[in-house]
Amino acid sequence: VQLQASGGGLAQAGGSLRLSCAVSAYGNLNAIGWFRQALGKEREWVGTWSNGRPNIADTVKGRFAISRDNAENTVFLEMNALQPEDTAVYYCAGRQGITWAFWGQGTQVTVSS
């Protein structure tokens, strides 16, 4: 299983970006998750696509959304109303059982004020 995150870049505060996570094969994955890690901070869970529905962290709920394109084996993270504190490296990961076993390489998101 391989995951590749893409779509990061520079955005202004209040702007939007859409990140993509291409999954080579779902196999026995039961969820695709999005995480982020800002410089000097712990990795933070952003949201998950599992059982055909999204689950979004309270810290970004109402601004971020997760969806999946089944035909393309891609999971998206739509980020709106971006704030400078959303600046981080964003990762997607695949879960087997209760373990996030597979990770993509990360994509940088930088939000300027």
Protein backbone atom coordinates (compact mmCIF):
# COMPACT_ATOMS: atom_id res chain seq x y z
CA VAL A 1 0.00 0.00 0.00
CA GLN A 2 1.32 3.42 -0.93
CA LEU A 3 -0.20 6.79 -0.24
CA GLN A 4 0.81 10.05 -1.85
CA ALA A 5 -0.38 13.41 -0.61
CA SER A 6 -0.35 16.40 -2.92
CA GLY A 7 -1.93 19.78 -3.40
CA GLY A 8 -0.18 21.81 -0.75
CA GLY A 9 1.13 25.27 -1.35
CA LEU A 10 0.84 28.86 -0.30
CA ALA A 11 -2.52 30.42 0.49
CA GLN A 12 -3.64 33.69 1.97
CA ALA A 13 -5.67 33.80 5.13
CA GLY A 14 -9.29 33.18 4.27
CA GLY A 15 -8.37 31.22 1.19
CA SER A 16 -8.82 27.58 0.27
CA LEU A 17 -6.76 24.60 -0.75
CA ARG A 18 -7.65 21.05 -1.63
CA LEU A 19 -5.27 18.27 -0.77
CA SER A 20 -5.38 14.88 -2.44
CA CYS A 21 -4.30 11.51 -1.11
CA ALA A 22 -3.80 8.93 -3.84
CA VAL A 23 -4.03 5.39 -2.51
CA SER A 24 -2.38 2.66 -4.56
CA ALA A 25 -4.63 -0.09 -3.23
CA TYR A 26 -6.99 -0.16 -0.30
CA GLY A 27 -6.39 -3.81 0.51
CA ASN A 28 -7.52 -4.27 4.09
CA LEU A 29 -7.32 -0.61 5.03
CA ASN A 30 -10.36 0.46 7.04
CA ALA A 31 -9.75 4.20 6.99
CA ILE A 32 -7.77 7.01 5.41
CA GLY A 33 -6.77 9.76 7.76
CA TRP A 34 -5.36 13.24 7.49
CA PHE A 35 -2.87 14.57 9.99
CA ARG A 36 -0.76 17.69 10.22
CA GLN A 37 2.36 18.74 12.00
CA ALA A 38 3.38 22.32 12.47
CA LEU A 39 6.99 23.23 13.09
CA GLY A 40 7.91 22.47 16.67
CA LYS A 41 4.54 20.92 17.49
CA GLU A 42 3.13 17.45 17.90
CA ARG A 43 1.39 15.74 15.03
CA GLU A 44 -2.32 16.48 15.09
CA TRP A 45 -5.20 14.43 13.74
CA VAL A 46 -7.32 16.44 11.28
CA GLY A 47 -9.91 13.94 10.13
CA THR A 48 -10.70 10.51 8.77
CA TRP A 49 -12.66 8.91 5.98
CA SER A 50 -14.05 5.62 7.21
CA ASN A 51 -17.15 3.50 6.63
CA GLY A 52 -18.19 5.80 3.82
CA ARG A 53 -18.28 8.95 5.90
CA PRO A 54 -15.97 11.68 7.18
CA ASN A 55 -15.07 12.44 10.75
CA ILE A 56 -13.51 15.86 11.27
CA ALA A 57 -11.55 17.11 14.25
CA ASP A 58 -13.35 19.76 16.29
CA THR A 59 -10.43 22.15 15.77
CA VAL A 60 -11.16 22.41 12.05
CA LYS A 61 -14.81 21.39 11.85
CA GLY A 62 -16.84 23.75 9.76
CA ARG A 63 -13.81 24.77 7.71
CA PHE A 64 -12.36 21.46 6.55
CA ALA A 65 -14.11 18.60 4.77
CA ILE A 66 -13.08 15.13 3.65
CA SER A 67 -14.41 13.27 0.66
CA ARG A 68 -13.47 10.28 -1.45
CA ASP A 69 -13.44 9.62 -5.17
CA ASN A 70 -13.90 5.86 -5.37
CA ALA A 71 -13.10 5.67 -9.06
CA GLU A 72 -9.75 7.38 -8.56
CA ASN A 73 -8.88 5.80 -5.20
CA THR A 74 -8.34 9.30 -3.89
CA VAL A 75 -9.32 10.94 -0.64
CA PHE A 76 -9.53 14.72 -0.52
CA LEU A 77 -9.09 17.23 2.25
CA GLU A 78 -10.89 20.44 1.36
CA MET A 79 -9.64 23.32 3.48
CA ASN A 80 -11.54 26.59 3.57
CA ALA A 81 -11.23 29.81 5.54
CA LEU A 82 -7.57 29.02 6.06
CA GLN A 83 -5.78 30.66 8.95
CA PRO A 84 -2.05 31.12 9.58
CA GLU A 85 -2.28 28.52 12.34
CA ASP A 86 -3.22 25.94 9.69
CA THR A 87 0.34 26.17 8.42
CA ALA A 88 1.84 22.69 8.69
CA VAL A 89 2.97 19.66 6.78
CA TYR A 90 -0.13 17.62 6.02
CA TYR A 91 0.04 13.85 5.82
CA CYS A 92 -2.40 11.18 4.80
CA ALA A 93 -2.28 7.73 6.31
CA GLY A 94 -3.93 4.35 5.91
CA ARG A 95 -5.26 2.44 8.90
CA GLN A 96 -5.19 -1.32 9.40
CA GLY A 97 -7.12 -2.41 12.44
CA ILE A 98 -6.35 0.32 14.94
CA THR A 99 -2.91 1.20 13.60
CA TRP A 100 -2.04 3.94 11.15
CA ALA A 101 0.27 1.61 9.29
CA PHE A 102 0.95 3.43 6.03
CA TRP A 103 1.93 7.06 5.57
CA GLY A 104 2.34 9.37 2.63
CA GLN A 105 5.26 11.73 2.31
CA GLY A 106 3.50 14.90 3.41
CA THR A 107 2.69 18.12 1.63
CA GLN A 108 3.46 21.60 2.96
CA VAL A 109 0.65 24.08 3.49
CA THR A 110 1.62 27.66 4.29
CA VAL A 111 -1.00 30.27 5.08
CA SER A 112 0.04 33.91 5.08
CA SER A 113 -1.75 36.59 7.06
